[in-house]
Amino acid sequence: MRCILITALIAATTFVGVATAPAQANTGNVVVFSTELQPLTVYANPHGCHRLSHLAHELNNETSSDIRPFGDPFCHIPAALSHSSDGTLKAGYGTHVPGAGSLSAK
């Protein structure tokens, strides 16, 4: 009986700790390369949906979290990523993007 009580107490404490933990903000940069004649576009600590330039060519995720590239400018149509089954771009990775796309970060 005592073992069950201790186990329940540990489980409840763990649940409360997880439930009240604040969400981690996405820190770092998303860097977009368009052409050799344009400076890089940098999204610092991105949050929400960001429309990419019509000339966007490569997107690099230098943030602390996964981001999601989209094939349309409104973050509705997920971009097809050959290396991701869930459509996310892992932190530290890059991908080619379609012009007029967008990205979403939490």
PDB file of N, CA and C in Angstrom:
ATOM      1  N   MET A   1       0.822  -1.193   0.000  1.00  0.00           N
ATOM      2  CA  MET A   1       0.000   0.000   0.000  1.00  0.00           C
ATOM      3  C   MET A   1       0.870   1.261   0.000  1.00  0.00           C
ATOM      4  N   ARG A   2       1.908   1.229   0.809  1.00  0.00           N
ATOM      5  CA  ARG A   2       2.802   2.380   0.880  1.00  0.00           C
ATOM      6  C   ARG A   2       3.500   2.614  -0.465  1.00  0.00           C
ATOM      7  N   CYS A   3       3.873   1.549  -1.141  1.00  0.00           N
ATOM      8  CA  CYS A   3       4.534   1.652  -2.450  1.00  0.00           C
ATOM      9  C   CYS A   3       3.605   2.295  -3.474  1.00  0.00           C
ATOM     10  N   ILE A   4       2.341   1.918  -3.438  1.00  0.00           N
ATOM     11  CA  ILE A   4       1.365   2.490  -4.370  1.00  0.00           C
ATOM     12  C   ILE A   4       1.188   3.984  -4.095  1.00  0.00           C
ATOM     13  N   LEU A   5       1.131   4.359  -2.822  1.00  0.00           N
ATOM     14  CA  LEU A   5       0.980   5.763  -2.452  1.00  0.00           C
ATOM     15  C   LEU A   5       2.173   6.598  -2.913  1.00  0.00           C
ATOM     16  N   ILE A   6       3.369   6.078  -2.726  1.00  0.00           N
ATOM     17  CA  ILE A   6       4.584   6.784  -3.163  1.00  0.00           C
ATOM     18  C   ILE A   6       4.602   6.920  -4.676  1.00  0.00           C
ATOM     19  N   THR A   7       4.255   5.844  -5.387  1.00  0.00           N
ATOM     20  CA  THR A   7       4.222   5.881  -6.850  1.00  0.00           C
ATOM     21  C   THR A   7       3.209   6.916  -7.330  1.00  0.00           C
ATOM     22  N   ALA A   8       2.028   6.959  -6.715  1.00  0.00           N
ATOM     23  CA  ALA A   8       1.005   7.932  -7.101  1.00  0.00           C
ATOM     24  C   ALA A   8       1.473   9.356  -6.832  1.00  0.00           C
ATOM     25  N   LEU A   9       2.154   9.563  -5.717  1.00  0.00           N
ATOM     26  CA  LEU A   9       2.665  10.889  -5.375  1.00  0.00           C
ATOM     27  C   LEU A   9       3.723  11.350  -6.385  1.00  0.00           C
ATOM     28  N   ILE A  10       4.612  10.446  -6.771  1.00  0.00           N
ATOM     29  CA  ILE A  10       5.644  10.774  -7.774  1.00  0.00           C
ATOM     30  C   ILE A  10       4.996  11.095  -9.113  1.00  0.00           C
ATOM     31  N   ALA A  11       4.011  10.301  -9.517  1.00  0.00           N
ATOM     32  CA  ALA A  11       3.333  10.543 -10.793  1.00  0.00           C
ATOM     33  C   ALA A  11       2.612  11.884 -10.785  1.00  0.00           C
ATOM     34  N   ALA A  12       1.935  12.215  -9.696  1.00  0.00           N
ATOM     35  CA  ALA A  12       1.222  13.492  -9.602  1.00  0.00           C
ATOM     36  C   ALA A  12       2.183  14.672  -9.633  1.00  0.00           C
ATOM     37  N   THR A  13       3.307  14.553  -8.928  1.00  0.00           N
ATOM     38  CA  THR A  13       4.312  15.618  -8.921  1.00  0.00           C
ATOM     39  C   THR A  13       4.896  15.821 -10.316  1.00  0.00           C
ATOM     40  N   THR A  14       5.162  14.729 -11.005  1.00  0.00           N
ATOM     41  CA  THR A  14       5.696  14.816 -12.368  1.00  0.00           C
ATOM     42  C   THR A  14       4.688  15.486 -13.287  1.00  0.00           C
ATOM     43  N   PHE A  15       3.418  15.097 -13.179  1.00  0.00           N
ATOM     44  CA  PHE A  15       2.380  15.686 -14.029  1.00  0.00           C
ATOM     45  C   PHE A  15       2.251  17.184 -13.789  1.00  0.00           C
ATOM     46  N   VAL A  16       2.233  17.611 -12.544  1.00  0.00           N
ATOM     47  CA  VAL A  16       2.121  19.033 -12.227  1.00  0.00           C
ATOM     48  C   VAL A  16       3.326  19.791 -12.767  1.00  0.00           C
ATOM     49  N   GLY A  17       4.518  19.227 -12.657  1.00  0.00           N
ATOM     50  CA  GLY A  17       5.721  19.868 -13.174  1.00  0.00           C
ATOM     51  C   GLY A  17       5.682  20.038 -14.673  1.00  0.00           C
ATOM     52  N   VAL A  18       5.174  19.035 -15.378  1.00  0.00           N
ATOM     53  CA  VAL A  18       5.078  19.108 -16.842  1.00  0.00           C
ATOM     54  C   VAL A  18       3.966  20.058 -17.247  1.00  0.00           C
ATOM     55  N   ALA A  19       2.848  20.012 -16.559  1.00  0.00           N
ATOM     56  CA  ALA A  19       1.701  20.839 -16.927  1.00  0.00           C
ATOM     57  C   ALA A  19       1.978  22.326 -16.726  1.00  0.00           C
ATOM     58  N   THR A  20       2.807  22.684 -15.750  1.00  0.00           N
ATOM     59  CA  THR A  20       3.056  24.096 -15.488  1.00  0.00           C
ATOM     60  C   THR A  20       4.337  24.616 -16.122  1.00  0.00           C
ATOM     61  N   ALA A  21       5.086  23.748 -16.799  1.00  0.00           N
ATOM     62  CA  ALA A  21       6.325  24.193 -17.436  1.00  0.00           C
ATOM     63  C   ALA A  21       5.998  25.136 -18.589  1.00  0.00           C
ATOM     64  N   PRO A  22       6.635  26.299 -18.665  1.00  0.00           N
ATOM     65  CA  PRO A  22       6.358  27.227 -19.755  1.00  0.00           C
ATOM     66  C   PRO A  22       6.915  26.700 -21.078  1.00  0.00           C
ATOM     67  N   ALA A  23       6.230  27.047 -22.163  1.00  0.00           N
ATOM     68  CA  ALA A  23       6.707  26.661 -23.486  1.00  0.00           C
ATOM     69  C   ALA A  23       7.991  27.409 -23.802  1.00  0.00           C
ATOM     70  N   GLN A  24       8.917  26.736 -24.429  1.00  0.00           N
ATOM     71  CA  GLN A  24      10.185  27.364 -24.790  1.00  0.00           C
ATOM     72  C   GLN A  24      10.006  28.200 -26.056  1.00  0.00           C
ATOM     73  N   ALA A  25      10.482  29.409 -26.022  1.00  0.00           N
ATOM     74  CA  ALA A  25      10.408  30.278 -27.191  1.00  0.00           C
ATOM     75  C   ALA A  25      11.414  29.799 -28.227  1.00  0.00           C
ATOM     76  N   ASN A  26      11.076  30.002 -29.478  1.00  0.00           N
ATOM     77  CA  ASN A  26      11.957  29.642 -30.579  1.00  0.00           C
ATOM     78  C   ASN A  26      13.045  30.707 -30.680  1.00  0.00           C
ATOM     79  N   THR A  27      14.279  30.349 -30.352  1.00  0.00           N
ATOM     80  CA  THR A  27      15.367  31.324 -30.401  1.00  0.00           C
ATOM     81  C   THR A  27      16.326  30.972 -31.531  1.00  0.00           C
ATOM     82  N   GLY A  28      16.943  31.994 -32.082  1.00  0.00           N
ATOM     83  CA  GLY A  28      17.870  31.807 -33.194  1.00  0.00           C
ATOM     84  C   GLY A  28      17.315  32.463 -34.445  1.00  0.00           C
ATOM     85  N   ASN A  29      17.911  32.122 -35.574  1.00  0.00           N
ATOM     86  CA  ASN A  29      17.537  32.739 -36.846  1.00  0.00           C
ATOM     87  C   ASN A  29      17.102  31.706 -37.871  1.00  0.00           C
ATOM     88  N   VAL A  30      16.190  32.123 -38.721  1.00  0.00           N
ATOM     89  CA  VAL A  30      15.909  31.407 -39.959  1.00  0.00           C
ATOM     90  C   VAL A  30      16.493  32.295 -41.048  1.00  0.00           C
ATOM     91  N   VAL A  31      17.385  31.743 -41.858  1.00  0.00           N
ATOM     92  CA  VAL A  31      18.074  32.516 -42.889  1.00  0.00           C
ATOM     93  C   VAL A  31      17.620  32.027 -44.263  1.00  0.00           C
ATOM     94  N   VAL A  32      17.210  32.983 -45.111  1.00  0.00           N
ATOM     95  CA  VAL A  32      16.716  32.650 -46.449  1.00  0.00           C
ATOM     96  C   VAL A  32      17.630  33.273 -47.495  1.00  0.00           C
ATOM     97  N   PHE A  33      18.100  32.423 -48.411  1.00  0.00           N
ATOM     98  CA  PHE A  33      18.903  32.866 -49.555  1.00  0.00           C
ATOM     99  C   PHE A  33      17.977  32.956 -50.757  1.00  0.00           C
ATOM    100  N   SER A  34      18.042  34.085 -51.480  1.00  0.00           N
ATOM    101  CA  SER A  34      17.231  34.253 -52.687  1.00  0.00           C
ATOM    102  C   SER A  34      18.110  34.217 -53.929  1.00  0.00           C
ATOM    103  N   THR A  35      18.938  35.252 -54.129  1.00  0.00           N
ATOM    104  CA  THR A  35      19.840  35.303 -55.276  1.00  0.00           C
ATOM    105  C   THR A  35      21.184  35.865 -54.821  1.00  0.00           C
ATOM    106  N   GLU A  36      22.166  35.722 -55.680  1.00  0.00           N
ATOM    107  CA  GLU A  36      23.499  36.245 -55.385  1.00  0.00           C
ATOM    108  C   GLU A  36      23.514  37.771 -55.340  1.00  0.00           C
ATOM    109  N   LEU A  37      22.502  38.421 -55.881  1.00  0.00           N
ATOM    110  CA  LEU A  37      22.450  39.876 -55.938  1.00  0.00           C
ATOM    111  C   LEU A  37      21.659  40.502 -54.790  1.00  0.00           C
ATOM    112  N   GLN A  38      21.138  39.661 -53.882  1.00  0.00           N
ATOM    113  CA  GLN A  38      20.356  40.164 -52.757  1.00  0.00           C
ATOM    114  C   GLN A  38      20.992  39.733 -51.446  1.00  0.00           C
ATOM    115  N   PRO A  39      20.872  40.576 -50.417  1.00  0.00           N
ATOM    116  CA  PRO A  39      21.363  40.145 -49.100  1.00  0.00           C
ATOM    117  C   PRO A  39      20.480  39.024 -48.557  1.00  0.00           C
ATOM    118  N   LEU A  40      21.006  38.254 -47.640  1.00  0.00           N
ATOM    119  CA  LEU A  40      20.226  37.208 -46.992  1.00  0.00           C
ATOM    120  C   LEU A  40      19.084  37.838 -46.204  1.00  0.00           C
ATOM    121  N   THR A  41      17.956  37.163 -46.164  1.00  0.00           N
ATOM    122  CA  THR A  41      16.839  37.590 -45.324  1.00  0.00           C
ATOM    123  C   THR A  41      16.925  36.803 -44.025  1.00  0.00           C
ATOM    124  N   VAL A  42      16.928  37.512 -42.902  1.00  0.00           N
ATOM    125  CA  VAL A  42      17.069  36.862 -41.596  1.00  0.00           C
ATOM    126  C   VAL A  42      15.816  37.124 -40.766  1.00  0.00           C
ATOM    127  N   TYR A  43      15.210  36.047 -40.294  1.00  0.00           N
ATOM    128  CA  TYR A  43      14.077  36.125 -39.376  1.00  0.00           C
ATOM    129  C   TYR A  43      14.609  35.772 -37.992  1.00  0.00           C
ATOM    130  N   ALA A  44      14.767  36.782 -37.134  1.00  0.00           N
ATOM    131  CA  ALA A  44      15.310  36.570 -35.789  1.00  0.00           C
ATOM    132  C   ALA A  44      14.198  36.119 -34.849  1.00  0.00           C
ATOM    133  N   ASN A  45      14.445  35.042 -34.119  1.00  0.00           N
ATOM    134  CA  ASN A  45      13.487  34.495 -33.154  1.00  0.00           C
ATOM    135  C   ASN A  45      12.075  34.439 -33.736  1.00  0.00           C
ATOM    136  N   PRO A  46      11.889  33.734 -34.855  1.00  0.00           N
ATOM    137  CA  PRO A  46      10.603  33.761 -35.542  1.00  0.00           C
ATOM    138  C   PRO A  46       9.482  33.137 -34.723  1.00  0.00           C
ATOM    139  N   HIS A  47       8.306  33.675 -34.907  1.00  0.00           N
ATOM    140  CA  HIS A  47       7.098  33.155 -34.270  1.00  0.00           C
ATOM    141  C   HIS A  47       5.932  33.413 -35.210  1.00  0.00           C
ATOM    142  N   GLY A  48       5.132  32.410 -35.476  1.00  0.00           N
ATOM    143  CA  GLY A  48       3.985  32.575 -36.355  1.00  0.00           C
ATOM    144  C   GLY A  48       4.349  32.353 -37.810  1.00  0.00           C
ATOM    145  N   CYS A  49       3.506  32.861 -38.704  1.00  0.00           N
ATOM    146  CA  CYS A  49       3.667  32.664 -40.147  1.00  0.00           C
ATOM    147  C   CYS A  49       4.421  33.844 -40.759  1.00  0.00           C
ATOM    148  N   HIS A  50       5.423  33.520 -41.590  1.00  0.00           N
ATOM    149  CA  HIS A  50       6.216  34.545 -42.282  1.00  0.00           C
ATOM    150  C   HIS A  50       6.216  34.245 -43.776  1.00  0.00           C
ATOM    151  N   ARG A  51       5.814  35.238 -44.556  1.00  0.00           N
ATOM    152  CA  ARG A  51       5.801  35.112 -46.007  1.00  0.00           C
ATOM    153  C   ARG A  51       7.218  35.269 -46.544  1.00  0.00           C
ATOM    154  N   LEU A  52       7.629  34.371 -47.436  1.00  0.00           N
ATOM    155  CA  LEU A  52       8.961  34.432 -48.036  1.00  0.00           C
ATOM    156  C   LEU A  52       8.920  35.241 -49.327  1.00  0.00           C
ATOM    157  N   SER A  53      10.071  35.727 -49.724  1.00  0.00           N
ATOM    158  CA  SER A  53      10.203  36.463 -50.979  1.00  0.00           C
ATOM    159  C   SER A  53       9.833  35.557 -52.161  1.00  0.00           C
ATOM    160  N   HIS A  54       9.362  36.169 -53.243  1.00  0.00           N
ATOM    161  CA  HIS A  54       9.050  35.403 -54.456  1.00  0.00           C
ATOM    162  C   HIS A  54      10.301  34.759 -55.041  1.00  0.00           C
ATOM    163  N   LEU A  55      11.466  35.284 -54.695  1.00  0.00           N
ATOM    164  CA  LEU A  55      12.718  34.748 -55.209  1.00  0.00           C
ATOM    165  C   LEU A  55      13.412  33.807 -54.226  1.00  0.00           C
ATOM    166  N   ALA A  56      12.779  33.508 -53.095  1.00  0.00           N
ATOM    167  CA  ALA A  56      13.394  32.633 -52.084  1.00  0.00           C
ATOM    168  C   ALA A  56      13.806  31.308 -52.718  1.00  0.00           C
ATOM    169  N   HIS A  57      14.993  30.850 -52.358  1.00  0.00           N
ATOM    170  CA  HIS A  57      15.539  29.635 -52.964  1.00  0.00           C
ATOM    171  C   HIS A  57      15.942  28.600 -51.917  1.00  0.00           C
ATOM    172  N   GLU A  58      16.614  29.037 -50.861  1.00  0.00           N
ATOM    173  CA  GLU A  58      17.058  28.125 -49.800  1.00  0.00           C
ATOM    174  C   GLU A  58      16.695  28.701 -48.438  1.00  0.00           C
ATOM    175  N   LEU A  59      16.299  27.816 -47.531  1.00  0.00           N
ATOM    176  CA  LEU A  59      15.925  28.209 -46.184  1.00  0.00           C
ATOM    177  C   LEU A  59      16.753  27.391 -45.202  1.00  0.00           C
ATOM    178  N   ASN A  60      17.413  28.058 -44.263  1.00  0.00           N
ATOM    179  CA  ASN A  60      18.240  27.381 -43.257  1.00  0.00           C
ATOM    180  C   ASN A  60      17.667  27.650 -41.870  1.00  0.00           C
ATOM    181  N   ASN A  61      17.408  26.576 -41.134  1.00  0.00           N
ATOM    182  CA  ASN A  61      16.847  26.689 -39.790  1.00  0.00           C
ATOM    183  C   ASN A  61      17.975  26.701 -38.767  1.00  0.00           C
ATOM    184  N   GLU A  62      18.321  27.881 -38.283  1.00  0.00           N
ATOM    185  CA  GLU A  62      19.363  28.034 -37.271  1.00  0.00           C
ATOM    186  C   GLU A  62      18.738  28.348 -35.910  1.00  0.00           C
ATOM    187  N   THR A  63      17.474  27.928 -35.730  1.00  0.00           N
ATOM    188  CA  THR A  63      16.785  28.167 -34.470  1.00  0.00           C
ATOM    189  C   THR A  63      16.972  26.969 -33.536  1.00  0.00           C
ATOM    190  N   SER A  64      16.356  27.067 -32.373  1.00  0.00           N
ATOM    191  CA  SER A  64      16.437  26.002 -31.383  1.00  0.00           C
ATOM    192  C   SER A  64      15.310  24.985 -31.529  1.00  0.00           C
ATOM    193  N   SER A  65      14.399  25.198 -32.481  1.00  0.00           N
ATOM    194  CA  SER A  65      13.229  24.328 -32.640  1.00  0.00           C
ATOM    195  C   SER A  65      12.990  24.013 -34.113  1.00  0.00           C
ATOM    196  N   ASP A  66      12.107  23.060 -34.332  1.00  0.00           N
ATOM    197  CA  ASP A  66      11.703  22.735 -35.692  1.00  0.00           C
ATOM    198  C   ASP A  66      10.821  23.853 -36.237  1.00  0.00           C
ATOM    199  N   ILE A  67      10.863  24.038 -37.553  1.00  0.00           N
ATOM    200  CA  ILE A  67       9.971  24.982 -38.221  1.00  0.00           C
ATOM    201  C   ILE A  67       9.258  24.224 -39.328  1.00  0.00           C
ATOM    202  N   ARG A  68       8.259  24.837 -39.905  1.00  0.00           N
ATOM    203  CA  ARG A  68       7.486  24.175 -40.953  1.00  0.00           C
ATOM    204  C   ARG A  68       7.433  25.071 -42.190  1.00  0.00           C
ATOM    205  N   PRO A  69       8.070  24.664 -43.297  1.00  0.00           N
ATOM    206  CA  PRO A  69       7.967  25.425 -44.541  1.00  0.00           C
ATOM    207  C   PRO A  69       6.649  25.101 -45.266  1.00  0.00           C
ATOM    208  N   PHE A  70       6.135  26.087 -46.000  1.00  0.00           N
ATOM    209  CA  PHE A  70       4.890  25.915 -46.743  1.00  0.00           C
ATOM    210  C   PHE A  70       5.095  26.324 -48.198  1.00  0.00           C
ATOM    211  N   GLY A  71       4.267  25.785 -49.062  1.00  0.00           N
ATOM    212  CA  GLY A  71       4.352  26.063 -50.487  1.00  0.00           C
ATOM    213  C   GLY A  71       3.516  27.247 -50.933  1.00  0.00           C
ATOM    214  N   ASP A  72       2.798  27.859 -50.008  1.00  0.00           N
ATOM    215  CA  ASP A  72       1.995  29.028 -50.337  1.00  0.00           C
ATOM    216  C   ASP A  72       2.353  30.159 -49.362  1.00  0.00           C
ATOM    217  N   PRO A  73       1.977  31.388 -49.649  1.00  0.00           N
ATOM    218  CA  PRO A  73       2.388  32.505 -48.786  1.00  0.00           C
ATOM    219  C   PRO A  73       1.585  32.651 -47.491  1.00  0.00           C
ATOM    220  N   PHE A  74       0.604  31.775 -47.258  1.00  0.00           N
ATOM    221  CA  PHE A  74      -0.293  31.941 -46.112  1.00  0.00           C
ATOM    222  C   PHE A  74      -0.194  30.802 -45.084  1.00  0.00           C
ATOM    223  N   CYS A  75       0.836  29.972 -45.182  1.00  0.00           N
ATOM    224  CA  CYS A  75       1.048  28.855 -44.241  1.00  0.00           C
ATOM    225  C   CYS A  75      -0.118  27.871 -44.226  1.00  0.00           C
ATOM    226  N   HIS A  76      -0.643  27.553 -45.419  1.00  0.00           N
ATOM    227  CA  HIS A  76      -1.744  26.589 -45.506  1.00  0.00           C
ATOM    228  C   HIS A  76      -1.336  25.273 -46.179  1.00  0.00           C
ATOM    229  N   ILE A  77      -0.496  25.332 -47.198  1.00  0.00           N
ATOM    230  CA  ILE A  77      -0.132  24.131 -47.968  1.00  0.00           C
ATOM    231  C   ILE A  77       1.288  23.716 -47.587  1.00  0.00           C
ATOM    232  N   PRO A  78       1.439  22.616 -46.826  1.00  0.00           N
ATOM    233  CA  PRO A  78       2.777  22.188 -46.400  1.00  0.00           C
ATOM    234  C   PRO A  78       3.689  21.897 -47.594  1.00  0.00           C
ATOM    235  N   ALA A  79       4.939  22.304 -47.465  1.00  0.00           N
ATOM    236  CA  ALA A  79       5.929  21.998 -48.499  1.00  0.00           C
ATOM    237  C   ALA A  79       6.312  20.527 -48.376  1.00  0.00           C
ATOM    238  N   ALA A  80       6.564  19.901 -49.495  1.00  0.00           N
ATOM    239  CA  ALA A  80       6.986  18.500 -49.497  1.00  0.00           C
ATOM    240  C   ALA A  80       8.490  18.447 -49.221  1.00  0.00           C
ATOM    241  N   LEU A  81       8.863  17.863 -48.091  1.00  0.00           N
ATOM    242  CA  LEU A  81      10.275  17.715 -47.731  1.00  0.00           C
ATOM    243  C   LEU A  81      10.650  16.249 -47.858  1.00  0.00           C
ATOM    244  N   SER A  82      11.657  15.966 -48.653  1.00  0.00           N
ATOM    245  CA  SER A  82      12.037  14.575 -48.905  1.00  0.00           C
ATOM    246  C   SER A  82      12.600  13.882 -47.670  1.00  0.00           C
ATOM    247  N   HIS A  83      13.116  14.625 -46.719  1.00  0.00           N
ATOM    248  CA  HIS A  83      13.758  14.029 -45.551  1.00  0.00           C
ATOM    249  C   HIS A  83      12.900  14.113 -44.290  1.00  0.00           C
ATOM    250  N   SER A  84      11.623  14.465 -44.427  1.00  0.00           N
ATOM    251  CA  SER A  84      10.761  14.619 -43.249  1.00  0.00           C
ATOM    252  C   SER A  84       9.383  14.054 -43.542  1.00  0.00           C
ATOM    253  N   SER A  85       8.930  13.157 -42.698  1.00  0.00           N
ATOM    254  CA  SER A  85       7.606  12.567 -42.892  1.00  0.00           C
ATOM    255  C   SER A  85       6.487  13.457 -42.350  1.00  0.00           C
ATOM    256  N   ASP A  86       6.809  14.375 -41.450  1.00  0.00           N
ATOM    257  CA  ASP A  86       5.772  15.225 -40.866  1.00  0.00           C
ATOM    258  C   ASP A  86       5.821  16.670 -41.358  1.00  0.00           C
ATOM    259  N   GLY A  87       6.665  16.973 -42.336  1.00  0.00           N
ATOM    260  CA  GLY A  87       6.711  18.304 -42.928  1.00  0.00           C
ATOM    261  C   GLY A  87       7.481  19.346 -42.147  1.00  0.00           C
ATOM    262  N   THR A  88       8.207  18.915 -41.109  1.00  0.00           N
ATOM    263  CA  THR A  88       8.975  19.884 -40.334  1.00  0.00           C
ATOM    264  C   THR A  88      10.435  19.874 -40.754  1.00  0.00           C
ATOM    265  N   LEU A  89      11.064  21.019 -40.604  1.00  0.00           N
ATOM    266  CA  LEU A  89      12.483  21.165 -40.868  1.00  0.00           C
ATOM    267  C   LEU A  89      13.180  21.259 -39.522  1.00  0.00           C
ATOM    268  N   LYS A  90      13.970  20.272 -39.198  1.00  0.00           N
ATOM    269  CA  LYS A  90      14.630  20.190 -37.900  1.00  0.00           C
ATOM    270  C   LYS A  90      15.617  21.337 -37.719  1.00  0.00           C
ATOM    271  N   ALA A  91      15.841  21.701 -36.465  1.00  0.00           N
ATOM    272  CA  ALA A  91      16.830  22.726 -36.132  1.00  0.00           C
ATOM    273  C   ALA A  91      18.193  22.292 -36.651  1.00  0.00           C
ATOM    274  N   GLY A  92      18.915  23.215 -37.284  1.00  0.00           N
ATOM    275  CA  GLY A  92      20.238  22.913 -37.812  1.00  0.00           C
ATOM    276  C   GLY A  92      20.243  22.393 -39.238  1.00  0.00           C
ATOM    277  N   TYR A  93      19.088  22.316 -39.888  1.00  0.00           N
ATOM    278  CA  TYR A  93      18.997  21.810 -41.253  1.00  0.00           C
ATOM    279  C   TYR A  93      18.496  22.892 -42.202  1.00  0.00           C
ATOM    280  N   GLY A  94      18.629  22.641 -43.489  1.00  0.00           N
ATOM    281  CA  GLY A  94      18.158  23.555 -44.511  1.00  0.00           C
ATOM    282  C   GLY A  94      17.436  22.802 -45.601  1.00  0.00           C
ATOM    283  N   THR A  95      16.752  23.543 -46.467  1.00  0.00           N
ATOM    284  CA  THR A  95      16.029  22.933 -47.575  1.00  0.00           C
ATOM    285  C   THR A  95      15.818  23.964 -48.679  1.00  0.00           C
ATOM    286  N   HIS A  96      15.571  23.465 -49.879  1.00  0.00           N
ATOM    287  CA  HIS A  96      15.155  24.344 -50.967  1.00  0.00           C
ATOM    288  C   HIS A  96      13.679  24.652 -50.766  1.00  0.00           C
ATOM    289  N   VAL A  97      13.283  25.867 -51.110  1.00  0.00           N
ATOM    290  CA  VAL A  97      11.891  26.271 -50.943  1.00  0.00           C
ATOM    291  C   VAL A  97      11.361  26.838 -52.261  1.00  0.00           C
ATOM    292  N   PRO A  98      10.053  26.723 -52.482  1.00  0.00           N
ATOM    293  CA  PRO A  98       9.476  27.321 -53.682  1.00  0.00           C
ATOM    294  C   PRO A  98       9.351  28.830 -53.502  1.00  0.00           C
ATOM    295  N   GLY A  99       9.488  29.570 -54.568  1.00  0.00           N
ATOM    296  CA  GLY A  99       9.232  30.999 -54.485  1.00  0.00           C
ATOM    297  C   GLY A  99       7.812  31.236 -54.050  1.00  0.00           C
ATOM    298  N   ALA A 100       7.548  32.306 -53.359  1.00  0.00           N
ATOM    299  CA  ALA A 100       6.217  32.660 -52.865  1.00  0.00           C
ATOM    300  C   ALA A 100       5.723  31.708 -51.789  1.00  0.00           C
ATOM    301  N   GLY A 101       6.627  31.031 -51.099  1.00  0.00           N
ATOM    302  CA  GLY A 101       6.242  30.155 -49.999  1.00  0.00           C
ATOM    303  C   GLY A 101       6.209  30.919 -48.684  1.00  0.00           C
ATOM    304  N   SER A 102       6.167  30.173 -47.605  1.00  0.00           N
ATOM    305  CA  SER A 102       6.154  30.770 -46.276  1.00  0.00           C
ATOM    306  C   SER A 102       6.735  29.794 -45.277  1.00  0.00           C
ATOM    307  N   LEU A 103       6.922  30.251 -44.039  1.00  0.00           N
ATOM    308  CA  LEU A 103       7.390  29.377 -42.978  1.00  0.00           C
ATOM    309  C   LEU A 103       6.622  29.684 -41.723  1.00  0.00           C
ATOM    310  N   SER A 104       6.493  28.679 -40.889  1.00  0.00           N
ATOM    311  CA  SER A 104       5.801  28.847 -39.618  1.00  0.00           C
ATOM    312  C   SER A 104       6.687  28.347 -38.499  1.00  0.00           C
ATOM    313  N   ALA A 105       6.770  29.137 -37.438  1.00  0.00           N
ATOM    314  CA  ALA A 105       7.554  28.775 -36.260  1.00  0.00           C
ATOM    315  C   ALA A 105       6.704  28.994 -35.026  1.00  0.00           C
ATOM    316  N   LYS A 106       6.886  28.137 -34.051  1.00  0.00           N
ATOM    317  CA  LYS A 106       6.110  28.264 -32.799  1.00  0.00           C
ATOM    318  C   LYS A 106       6.806  29.188 -31.838  1.00  0.00           C
TER     319      LYS A 106
END
